[in-house]
Amino acid sequence: DVQYTDIDYMERNLDFTLSPRFAGLPALVNKIKSEGMRFIIILDPAISGNETNYPAFTRGVQNNVFMQWPNSSEILYSKVWSFLPNVQINESLPHEDLVERYVSHCAFPDFFRNSTVEWWKREILEVHDNPDPSKSIKFDGLWTDMNEPAAFMNGAIGGCKNDLLNYPPYMPNLGYRSVGLIHKTPCMEGQQYLADGTPVRHFDVHSLYGWSQTRASLAALHGATKERGIVITRSTYPSSGRWAGHWLGDNTAAWDQMHKSIIGTGQEKGWQPWHHQIVQWVGLGGALKPILPRQGCLPQRQDPAAWDATFHEISRNVLNIRYKLLPYLYTLLFDAHAQGSTVIRPVLHEFVEDRNTWDIDEQFLWGPALLISPVLKPNDRSVNAYFPKARWYDYHTETDTGFRGQFQNLSAPLEHINLHIRGGYILPWQRPANTTAYSRKNPMGLTVALDDELSAEGHLYWDDGVRIGT
């Protein structure tokens, strides 16, 4: 159970700072933690080089952590967040100079370097263990954003210098092909260094930027909290899952993107949904995603408390399903960590020889055993679900449906989400409570779903939830 904060908590969007408007945040985090919940902060990789007193940048320069121009010690600067709206104008500076100072010149750390990893650890540790209690944020996890790496300009301040790298003869089919490879990202000739000192061009390791930051972020998190924690990153690469979870970036609370979120199994961050739509967002995301985020954008709140009593009851019911099944979900997450298996998986992955499953992208499974068939279209109160050849039990009634190898039209009122348990599997569960901390103290049980041979099997992974290395 986690509260998380976007960049709003920072002073002018500067990493490792705390805005005066969020002066009460450290105390709030302590209160949340005392009630058995957790807290996550966001960090972006780009570091402003425009400040008169910004220790993170100063120490970064001293430790040579930033991406550079080739054959030079000069830092490659780009533009990220626009800081100007929050700046108090100093009358001694020309206005034009102030605009340039606060809109540009952000440096990108080179996370392949050992010196960068140590610098990143130090800056994060200071946020967690600041000697001033009013500035110490006792976070439990990190949410990393903008790490493709993403910029708000193409290339670098003053332009790029290597046309061959930035506009190669063969261009992938990007949305902005005419811009080249530098669309909203730094120049491809940017100089980086591997841990052993081998120089590489950003062109060669661009897709590994988020991967390299992820390793450093988990090490920093462990060093600060001394607990397992979690890192959630926007940019990944094969093997990133060893260190972090993945979120898909910002999308709207729209019907088509609800469908896309199944394919990507990510998070939603939208605005101005209508009542039935947000009910079904929570129904799909709340019970059935590895991570259930609710991030509202102005002008309309999206948290369950902002809606009516009917929505409260529907949210409570579907969230109780999620909490009840946390032991099964936790076991799937451990299996993914230990064996590289998937938590959410397409129906195809369990029934690969059934050609009907090859095109199904509106249903999905938790592990091998729980089939989810959500409504994805406005005003629909039924869903045409496919049941592969197996014995399937209705989750809610625990009765054998008799459906196998067939499509079936299922009733799907707003308050009901269709869940089916596959015969041959045992699902561990636990009586739900208001938070995970309290749920974990409750009695546990097993749902045993027999197959046609009247047998079933399953397993449970259980630990204290926090220790590193279990």
Protein backbone atom coordinates (compact mmCIF):
# COMPACT_ATOMS: atom_id res chain seq x y z
CA ASP A 1 0.00 0.00 0.00
CA VAL A 2 1.89 2.98 -1.29
CA GLN A 3 1.37 6.70 -1.61
CA TYR A 4 3.62 8.19 -4.26
CA THR A 5 4.45 11.69 -5.39
CA ASP A 6 5.28 13.08 -8.81
CA ILE A 7 7.75 15.94 -9.39
CA ASP A 8 5.46 18.41 -7.59
CA TYR A 9 7.31 17.76 -4.31
CA MET A 10 10.58 19.10 -5.72
CA GLU A 11 11.82 22.68 -5.67
CA ARG A 12 11.38 23.77 -9.34
CA ASN A 13 11.51 20.12 -10.44
CA LEU A 14 15.08 19.69 -9.18
CA ASP A 15 15.98 16.17 -8.04
CA PHE A 16 16.92 15.73 -4.37
CA THR A 17 15.16 18.94 -3.29
CA LEU A 18 11.97 19.64 -1.33
CA SER A 19 9.59 22.43 -2.31
CA PRO A 20 8.44 24.80 0.47
CA ARG A 21 4.88 23.95 -0.65
CA PHE A 22 5.59 20.36 0.47
CA ALA A 23 7.22 21.24 3.78
CA GLY A 24 4.90 18.79 5.55
CA LEU A 25 5.83 15.85 3.34
CA PRO A 26 8.43 14.23 5.67
CA ALA A 27 5.92 14.20 8.53
CA LEU A 28 3.21 12.81 6.25
CA VAL A 29 5.52 10.01 5.11
CA ASN A 30 6.30 9.12 8.73
CA LYS A 31 2.58 9.02 9.54
CA ILE A 32 1.82 6.80 6.54
CA LYS A 33 4.60 4.41 7.50
CA SER A 34 3.42 4.25 11.12
CA GLU A 35 0.08 3.00 9.79
CA GLY A 36 1.70 0.13 7.89
CA MET A 37 1.87 1.72 4.44
CA ARG A 38 4.76 2.77 2.20
CA PHE A 39 5.94 5.80 0.24
CA ILE A 40 7.60 6.21 -3.17
CA ILE A 41 9.25 9.32 -4.62
CA ILE A 42 9.96 10.09 -8.25
CA LEU A 43 13.39 10.97 -9.66
CA ASP A 44 14.31 12.10 -13.17
CA PRO A 45 17.85 11.56 -14.50
CA ALA A 46 18.54 15.06 -15.89
CA ILE A 47 20.30 17.44 -13.50
CA SER A 48 20.05 21.22 -13.90
CA GLY A 49 23.31 23.05 -14.50
CA ASN A 50 21.79 26.49 -14.06
CA GLU A 51 21.60 26.80 -10.29
CA THR A 52 23.78 29.03 -8.13
CA ASN A 53 23.62 26.53 -5.25
CA TYR A 54 22.68 23.01 -6.30
CA PRO A 55 24.95 20.45 -4.55
CA ALA A 56 23.81 17.52 -6.72
CA PHE A 57 25.15 19.22 -9.85
CA THR A 58 28.28 20.55 -8.15
CA ARG A 59 29.20 17.13 -6.79
CA GLY A 60 28.36 15.57 -10.14
CA VAL A 61 30.85 17.83 -11.90
CA GLN A 62 33.48 17.11 -9.25
CA ASN A 63 33.02 13.36 -9.74
CA ASN A 64 32.83 13.55 -13.55
CA VAL A 65 29.45 11.80 -13.79
CA PHE A 66 27.80 13.53 -16.75
CA MET A 67 27.61 12.67 -20.45
CA GLN A 68 30.20 14.70 -22.38
CA TRP A 69 31.00 15.80 -25.89
CA PRO A 70 33.46 13.38 -27.58
CA ASN A 71 37.16 14.02 -27.00
CA SER A 72 36.30 16.73 -24.50
CA SER A 73 35.63 17.25 -20.82
CA GLU A 74 32.78 19.63 -21.71
CA ILE A 75 29.34 18.51 -20.52
CA LEU A 76 26.67 17.87 -23.15
CA TYR A 77 23.70 20.01 -22.12
CA SER A 78 20.09 19.60 -23.21
CA LYS A 79 16.76 21.00 -22.02
CA VAL A 80 14.29 19.21 -19.78
CA TRP A 81 11.87 20.86 -17.39
CA SER A 82 11.08 24.56 -17.79
CA PHE A 83 11.83 26.11 -14.42
CA LEU A 84 10.98 29.71 -15.28
CA PRO A 85 7.40 29.94 -13.91
CA ASN A 86 8.62 29.32 -10.37
CA VAL A 87 11.68 31.59 -10.44
CA GLN A 88 11.88 34.79 -8.44
CA ILE A 89 13.43 37.32 -10.81
CA ASN A 90 16.68 38.90 -9.67
CA GLU A 91 16.62 42.53 -10.81
CA SER A 92 20.38 42.51 -11.35
CA LEU A 93 20.08 40.00 -14.22
CA PRO A 94 18.88 40.83 -17.73
CA HIS A 95 15.51 39.13 -18.29
CA GLU A 96 16.70 37.37 -21.48
CA ASP A 97 19.62 35.85 -19.61
CA LEU A 98 17.28 34.63 -16.87
CA VAL A 99 15.05 32.89 -19.40
CA GLU A 100 18.02 31.01 -20.88
CA ARG A 101 19.38 30.15 -17.44
CA TYR A 102 16.22 28.47 -16.24
CA VAL A 103 14.88 26.82 -19.37
CA SER A 104 17.98 25.00 -20.51
CA HIS A 105 21.29 23.41 -19.59
CA CYS A 106 20.43 20.07 -18.05
CA ALA A 107 23.13 17.40 -17.85
CA PHE A 108 22.51 13.66 -18.19
CA PRO A 109 24.37 11.36 -15.78
CA ASP A 110 26.29 8.51 -17.40
CA PHE A 111 25.10 5.60 -15.26
CA PHE A 112 27.60 3.15 -16.76
CA ARG A 113 30.40 4.79 -14.79
CA ASN A 114 31.20 3.57 -11.30
CA SER A 115 31.65 7.19 -10.20
CA THR A 116 28.10 7.98 -11.31
CA VAL A 117 26.65 5.03 -9.43
CA GLU A 118 28.37 6.18 -6.23
CA TRP A 119 27.27 9.81 -6.79
CA TRP A 120 23.65 8.68 -7.38
CA LYS A 121 23.73 6.58 -4.18
CA ARG A 122 25.02 9.53 -2.17
CA GLU A 123 22.38 11.98 -3.42
CA ILE A 124 19.55 9.52 -2.77
CA LEU A 125 20.89 8.66 0.68
CA GLU A 126 20.89 12.35 1.62
CA VAL A 127 17.19 12.62 0.75
CA HIS A 128 16.40 9.61 2.96
CA ASP A 129 18.77 10.42 5.83
CA ASN A 130 19.05 14.19 5.76
CA PRO A 131 20.38 15.33 9.16
CA ASP A 132 17.56 17.88 9.20
CA PRO A 133 14.41 15.84 10.10
CA SER A 134 12.22 18.39 8.33
CA LYS A 135 13.94 17.48 5.05
CA SER A 136 14.41 13.73 5.53
CA ILE A 137 11.92 11.77 3.38
CA LYS A 138 11.83 8.15 4.58
CA PHE A 139 10.79 6.70 1.22
CA ASP A 140 10.56 2.95 0.59
CA GLY A 141 10.83 2.90 -3.19
CA LEU A 142 11.85 4.90 -6.25
CA TRP A 143 9.88 5.75 -9.37
CA THR A 144 12.18 6.75 -12.24
CA ASP A 145 10.87 8.75 -15.18
CA MET A 146 12.16 10.48 -18.33
CA ASN A 147 14.97 7.92 -18.62
CA GLU A 148 14.80 6.97 -22.29
CA PRO A 149 16.56 9.50 -21.87
CA ALA A 150 13.89 12.10 -22.65
CA ALA A 151 14.45 15.81 -23.23
CA PHE A 152 12.27 18.74 -24.22
CA MET A 153 14.44 19.57 -27.22
CA ASN A 154 16.11 17.67 -30.04
CA GLY A 155 19.75 17.00 -29.30
CA ALA A 156 21.75 19.52 -27.31
CA ILE A 157 22.12 23.23 -26.62
CA GLY A 158 23.83 24.63 -29.69
CA GLY A 159 22.96 21.62 -31.82
CA CYS A 160 24.58 18.25 -32.51
CA LYS A 161 27.80 17.78 -34.48
CA ASN A 162 27.73 14.32 -36.08
CA ASP A 163 25.14 14.11 -38.85
CA LEU A 164 25.96 10.48 -39.66
CA LEU A 165 25.03 9.31 -36.16
CA ASN A 166 22.06 11.61 -35.65
CA TYR A 167 20.63 11.21 -39.19
CA PRO A 168 21.80 7.75 -40.26
CA PRO A 169 21.20 6.46 -43.82
CA TYR A 170 18.63 4.01 -42.50
CA MET A 171 16.07 5.56 -40.17
CA PRO A 172 13.69 3.42 -38.13
CA ASN A 173 10.02 4.20 -38.70
CA LEU A 174 9.69 6.72 -35.87
CA GLY A 175 6.89 9.21 -35.51
CA TYR A 176 9.30 12.04 -36.39
CA ARG A 177 11.64 10.56 -38.98
CA SER A 178 12.62 13.96 -40.37
CA VAL A 179 14.06 14.94 -36.98
CA GLY A 180 16.45 11.97 -36.91
CA LEU A 181 17.36 9.86 -33.91
CA ILE A 182 17.60 12.90 -31.65
CA HIS A 183 13.86 13.57 -31.35
CA LYS A 184 13.46 14.69 -27.71
CA THR A 185 16.72 13.01 -26.66
CA PRO A 186 20.43 13.96 -26.46
CA CYS A 187 22.91 13.88 -29.35
CA MET A 188 24.00 10.42 -30.43
CA GLU A 189 27.70 11.37 -30.31
CA GLY A 190 27.49 12.00 -26.57
CA GLN A 191 30.48 10.33 -24.87
CA GLN A 192 29.88 7.69 -22.22
CA TYR A 193 32.19 5.22 -20.48
CA LEU A 194 31.63 1.66 -19.40
CA ALA A 195 32.59 0.57 -15.89
CA ASP A 196 35.99 -0.62 -17.10
CA GLY A 197 36.72 2.76 -18.72
CA THR A 198 35.91 1.71 -22.29
CA PRO A 199 34.55 4.74 -24.19
CA VAL A 200 31.23 4.30 -26.02
CA ARG A 201 28.99 6.65 -27.95
CA HIS A 202 25.48 7.34 -26.75
CA PHE A 203 24.44 5.97 -30.17
CA ASP A 204 25.71 2.55 -29.07
CA VAL A 205 24.01 2.46 -25.66
CA HIS A 206 20.97 4.74 -26.02
CA SER A 207 18.45 1.94 -25.41
CA LEU A 208 20.36 0.90 -22.28
CA TYR A 209 20.04 4.26 -20.54
CA GLY A 210 17.08 3.29 -18.37
CA TRP A 211 18.64 -0.14 -17.79
CA SER A 212 21.84 1.44 -16.46
CA GLN A 213 19.95 3.86 -14.21
CA THR A 214 17.83 1.01 -12.85
CA ARG A 215 20.82 -0.95 -11.54
CA ALA A 216 22.18 2.15 -9.81
CA SER A 217 18.76 3.06 -8.38
CA LEU A 218 18.16 -0.31 -6.75
CA ALA A 219 21.63 -0.27 -5.20
CA ALA A 220 20.94 3.25 -3.89
CA LEU A 221 17.55 2.22 -2.53
CA HIS A 222 19.02 -0.76 -0.66
CA GLY A 223 21.75 1.43 0.76
CA ALA A 224 19.26 3.99 2.03
CA THR A 225 16.42 1.84 3.36
CA LYS A 226 18.27 -1.42 4.19
CA GLU A 227 15.13 -3.17 2.90
CA ARG A 228 14.09 -4.80 -0.35
CA GLY A 229 11.98 -1.91 -1.60
CA ILE A 230 10.98 -1.43 -5.22
CA VAL A 231 12.14 0.54 -8.24
CA ILE A 232 9.65 1.25 -11.03
CA THR A 233 11.20 2.53 -14.26
CA ARG A 234 9.73 3.92 -17.47
CA SER A 235 12.55 2.77 -19.75
CA THR A 236 13.63 -0.87 -19.71
CA TYR A 237 15.69 -3.36 -21.71
CA PRO A 238 15.92 -7.17 -21.54
CA SER A 239 17.13 -8.13 -18.01
CA SER A 240 15.89 -4.84 -16.45
CA GLY A 241 13.41 -6.95 -14.51
CA ARG A 242 16.26 -8.16 -12.33
CA TRP A 243 16.32 -4.72 -10.71
CA ALA A 244 13.02 -3.01 -11.39
CA GLY A 245 9.41 -3.14 -12.40
CA HIS A 246 8.15 -1.36 -15.50
CA TRP A 247 5.53 1.33 -15.96
CA LEU A 248 4.36 2.39 -19.40
CA GLY A 249 4.34 6.14 -19.06
CA ASP A 250 1.38 8.51 -19.02
CA ASN A 251 -1.83 7.62 -20.79
CA THR A 252 -5.38 8.89 -20.60
CA ALA A 253 -8.27 7.11 -18.93
CA ALA A 254 -9.74 6.28 -22.34
CA TRP A 255 -11.41 3.10 -23.50
CA ASP A 256 -8.86 2.28 -26.19
CA GLN A 257 -6.04 2.75 -23.70
CA MET A 258 -7.71 0.42 -21.23
CA HIS A 259 -7.28 -2.24 -23.91
CA LYS A 260 -3.70 -1.19 -24.56
CA SER A 261 -2.95 -1.39 -20.84
CA ILE A 262 -3.73 -5.11 -20.95
CA ILE A 263 -1.20 -5.57 -23.73
CA GLY A 264 1.39 -3.53 -21.86
CA THR A 265 0.28 -4.48 -18.32
CA GLY A 266 1.28 -1.04 -17.12
CA GLN A 267 -0.34 1.82 -15.29
CA GLU A 268 -2.89 4.46 -16.06
CA LYS A 269 -2.60 8.18 -15.48
CA GLY A 270 -5.53 10.01 -16.95
CA TRP A 271 -8.08 12.69 -16.52
CA GLN A 272 -11.78 13.51 -16.77
CA PRO A 273 -13.22 10.00 -17.03
CA TRP A 274 -16.94 9.48 -16.66
CA HIS A 275 -18.37 7.40 -13.85
CA HIS A 276 -18.81 3.99 -15.52
CA GLN A 277 -15.42 4.24 -17.15
CA ILE A 278 -13.51 4.86 -13.94
CA VAL A 279 -15.47 2.08 -12.25
CA GLN A 280 -14.21 -0.31 -14.90
CA TRP A 281 -10.68 1.14 -14.77
CA VAL A 282 -10.57 0.24 -11.09
CA GLY A 283 -12.25 -3.07 -11.80
CA LEU A 284 -9.58 -3.97 -14.32
CA GLY A 285 -6.60 -2.23 -12.72
CA GLY A 286 -7.59 -2.62 -9.11
CA ALA A 287 -8.00 -6.35 -8.87
CA LEU A 288 -5.92 -7.50 -11.73
CA LYS A 289 -2.69 -5.59 -12.33
CA PRO A 290 0.64 -6.29 -10.60
CA ILE A 291 0.62 -2.58 -9.72
CA LEU A 292 -2.59 -0.63 -9.16
CA PRO A 293 -1.86 3.08 -9.48
CA ARG A 294 -4.44 5.84 -9.32
CA GLN A 295 -2.96 9.15 -10.35
CA GLY A 296 -5.48 11.86 -10.96
CA CYS A 297 -4.83 14.99 -12.98
CA LEU A 298 -6.57 18.31 -12.49
CA PRO A 299 -9.32 19.38 -12.75
CA GLN A 300 -10.97 16.12 -11.67
CA ARG A 301 -10.01 13.79 -8.82
CA GLN A 302 -9.96 10.06 -9.53
CA ASP A 303 -9.43 8.52 -6.12
CA PRO A 304 -12.34 6.33 -4.94
CA ALA A 305 -13.31 8.71 -2.13
CA ALA A 306 -14.13 11.42 -4.70
CA TRP A 307 -17.07 9.44 -6.10
CA ASP A 308 -20.45 8.28 -4.83
CA ALA A 309 -21.43 5.50 -2.45
CA THR A 310 -22.10 3.04 -5.26
CA PHE A 311 -18.60 3.51 -6.57
CA HIS A 312 -17.20 3.17 -3.05
CA GLU A 313 -18.87 -0.23 -2.69
CA ILE A 314 -17.77 -1.47 -6.11
CA SER A 315 -14.19 -0.34 -5.46
CA ARG A 316 -14.17 -1.95 -2.03
CA ASN A 317 -15.40 -5.28 -3.40
CA VAL A 318 -12.94 -5.50 -6.27
CA LEU A 319 -10.02 -4.36 -4.10
CA ASN A 320 -10.91 -7.02 -1.55
CA ILE A 321 -10.53 -9.62 -4.30
CA ARG A 322 -7.04 -8.27 -4.99
CA TYR A 323 -6.10 -8.27 -1.31
CA LYS A 324 -7.48 -11.76 -0.77
CA LEU A 325 -5.35 -13.10 -3.62
CA LEU A 326 -2.14 -11.30 -2.59
CA PRO A 327 -0.45 -14.58 -1.50
CA TYR A 328 -0.98 -15.97 -5.01
CA LEU A 329 0.20 -12.72 -6.64
CA TYR A 330 3.21 -12.57 -4.30
CA THR A 331 4.13 -16.14 -5.24
CA LEU A 332 3.89 -15.29 -8.94
CA LEU A 333 6.17 -12.29 -8.37
CA PHE A 334 8.70 -14.48 -6.59
CA ASP A 335 8.56 -17.01 -9.43
CA ALA A 336 9.20 -14.19 -11.91
CA HIS A 337 12.21 -13.08 -9.83
CA ALA A 338 13.65 -16.56 -9.36
CA GLN A 339 12.80 -18.20 -12.68
CA GLY A 340 12.02 -15.40 -15.14
CA SER A 341 8.38 -16.44 -15.54
CA THR A 342 5.54 -13.99 -16.11
CA VAL A 343 3.00 -12.69 -13.61
CA ILE A 344 0.39 -11.51 -16.10
CA ARG A 345 0.45 -13.61 -19.27
CA PRO A 346 -1.53 -13.96 -22.49
CA VAL A 347 -3.91 -16.91 -22.77
CA LEU A 348 -1.70 -18.03 -25.67
CA HIS A 349 1.22 -18.71 -23.33
CA GLU A 350 -0.70 -21.43 -21.49
CA PHE A 351 -2.55 -22.86 -24.49
CA VAL A 352 -0.13 -22.40 -27.37
CA GLU A 353 -1.54 -25.26 -29.45
CA ASP A 354 -5.05 -23.77 -29.37
CA ARG A 355 -5.17 -21.47 -32.40
CA ASN A 356 -8.15 -19.60 -30.95
CA THR A 357 -5.85 -18.16 -28.26
CA TRP A 358 -3.38 -16.67 -30.73
CA ASP A 359 -5.44 -13.53 -31.34
CA ILE A 360 -6.84 -12.99 -27.85
CA ASP A 361 -5.67 -9.70 -26.33
CA GLU A 362 -8.75 -8.71 -24.35
CA GLN A 363 -8.42 -11.49 -21.79
CA PHE A 364 -5.38 -12.46 -19.76
CA LEU A 365 -4.19 -14.74 -16.99
CA TRP A 366 -2.62 -14.32 -13.59
CA GLY A 367 0.02 -17.02 -13.78
CA PRO A 368 -1.37 -20.29 -15.15
CA ALA A 369 -4.53 -20.44 -13.07
CA LEU A 370 -6.71 -17.29 -12.97
CA LEU A 371 -8.50 -16.15 -16.16
CA ILE A 372 -9.63 -12.50 -16.31
CA SER A 373 -12.26 -11.38 -18.85
CA PRO A 374 -12.88 -7.61 -18.41
CA VAL A 375 -15.31 -5.32 -20.22
CA LEU A 376 -13.43 -2.90 -22.46
CA LYS A 377 -16.17 -1.06 -24.33
CA PRO A 378 -18.49 1.71 -23.12
CA ASN A 379 -21.98 0.66 -22.07
CA ASP A 380 -21.25 -3.05 -22.53
CA ARG A 381 -22.74 -5.20 -19.79
CA SER A 382 -21.53 -8.52 -21.17
CA VAL A 383 -18.28 -9.92 -22.50
CA ASN A 384 -17.60 -12.60 -25.11
CA ALA A 385 -14.94 -14.69 -23.36
CA TYR A 386 -12.99 -17.63 -24.68
CA PHE A 387 -12.47 -20.71 -22.48
CA PRO A 388 -9.59 -22.92 -23.63
CA LYS A 389 -9.84 -26.69 -23.21
CA ALA A 390 -9.63 -27.16 -19.45
CA ARG A 391 -12.01 -27.30 -16.53
CA TRP A 392 -12.97 -23.75 -15.47
CA TYR A 393 -14.61 -22.73 -12.20
CA ASP A 394 -16.40 -19.42 -11.59
CA TYR A 395 -14.29 -17.59 -8.99
CA HIS A 396 -17.31 -16.07 -7.27
CA THR A 397 -19.54 -19.17 -7.03
CA GLU A 398 -16.81 -21.87 -7.11
CA THR A 399 -18.95 -23.91 -9.51
CA ASP A 400 -17.76 -25.78 -12.61
CA THR A 401 -18.87 -23.73 -15.63
CA GLY A 402 -18.76 -26.61 -18.09
CA PHE A 403 -17.22 -24.24 -20.66
CA ARG A 404 -14.23 -25.57 -22.59
CA GLY A 405 -12.80 -24.87 -26.02
CA GLN A 406 -15.53 -22.32 -26.73
CA PHE A 407 -16.52 -18.67 -26.69
CA GLN A 408 -19.18 -17.79 -24.17
CA ASN A 409 -21.16 -14.60 -23.61
CA LEU A 410 -20.90 -13.68 -19.94
CA SER A 411 -22.99 -11.17 -17.99
CA ALA A 412 -20.80 -8.28 -16.78
CA PRO A 413 -22.68 -5.65 -14.76
CA LEU A 414 -20.62 -2.80 -13.35
CA GLU A 415 -20.27 -4.45 -9.96
CA HIS A 416 -19.05 -7.77 -11.38
CA ILE A 417 -15.80 -8.80 -13.06
CA ASN A 418 -15.57 -12.23 -14.62
CA LEU A 419 -12.86 -14.37 -13.03
CA HIS A 420 -12.38 -18.09 -13.58
CA ILE A 421 -10.04 -20.58 -11.91
CA ARG A 422 -8.43 -23.27 -14.03
CA GLY A 423 -8.84 -26.81 -12.85
CA GLY A 424 -5.69 -28.55 -11.67
CA TYR A 425 -4.40 -25.63 -9.59
CA ILE A 426 -4.38 -24.54 -5.95
CA LEU A 427 -4.56 -20.82 -5.17
CA PRO A 428 -3.33 -19.59 -1.77
CA TRP A 429 -5.26 -16.67 -0.30
CA GLN A 430 -5.57 -14.63 2.86
CA ARG A 431 -8.42 -12.82 4.56
CA PRO A 432 -8.17 -9.18 3.38
CA ALA A 433 -7.76 -6.16 5.65
CA ASN A 434 -7.35 -2.40 5.18
CA THR A 435 -3.65 -2.63 4.32
CA THR A 436 -1.21 -5.32 3.31
CA ALA A 437 0.50 -5.05 6.69
CA TYR A 438 -2.74 -5.99 8.44
CA SER A 439 -3.73 -8.55 5.79
CA ARG A 440 -0.51 -10.46 6.38
CA LYS A 441 -1.56 -11.08 10.00
CA ASN A 442 -4.84 -12.72 9.01
CA PRO A 443 -5.66 -16.43 8.55
CA MET A 444 -4.77 -18.02 5.20
CA GLY A 445 -6.57 -20.55 3.07
CA LEU A 446 -6.40 -22.57 -0.14
CA THR A 447 -8.78 -22.79 -3.05
CA VAL A 448 -8.35 -26.24 -4.58
CA ALA A 449 -9.68 -26.46 -8.14
CA LEU A 450 -9.64 -30.08 -9.33
CA ASP A 451 -9.00 -30.99 -12.97
CA ASP A 452 -10.65 -33.79 -14.92
CA GLU A 453 -8.39 -36.30 -13.15
CA LEU A 454 -9.54 -34.91 -9.79
CA SER A 455 -6.09 -33.61 -8.90
CA ALA A 456 -4.57 -30.19 -8.32
CA GLU A 457 -1.24 -28.70 -7.34
CA GLY A 458 0.22 -25.35 -6.36
CA HIS A 459 2.85 -23.68 -4.22
CA LEU A 460 3.31 -20.68 -1.95
CA TYR A 461 6.31 -18.41 -1.41
CA TRP A 462 6.24 -16.53 1.89
CA ASP A 463 8.73 -14.36 3.76
CA ASP A 464 8.74 -11.17 5.84
CA GLY A 465 8.33 -9.04 2.74
CA VAL A 466 11.27 -6.73 3.38
CA ARG A 467 14.59 -8.51 3.79
CA ILE A 468 17.15 -8.26 0.99
CA GLY A 469 18.43 -11.52 -0.43
CA THR A 470 15.71 -13.92 0.71
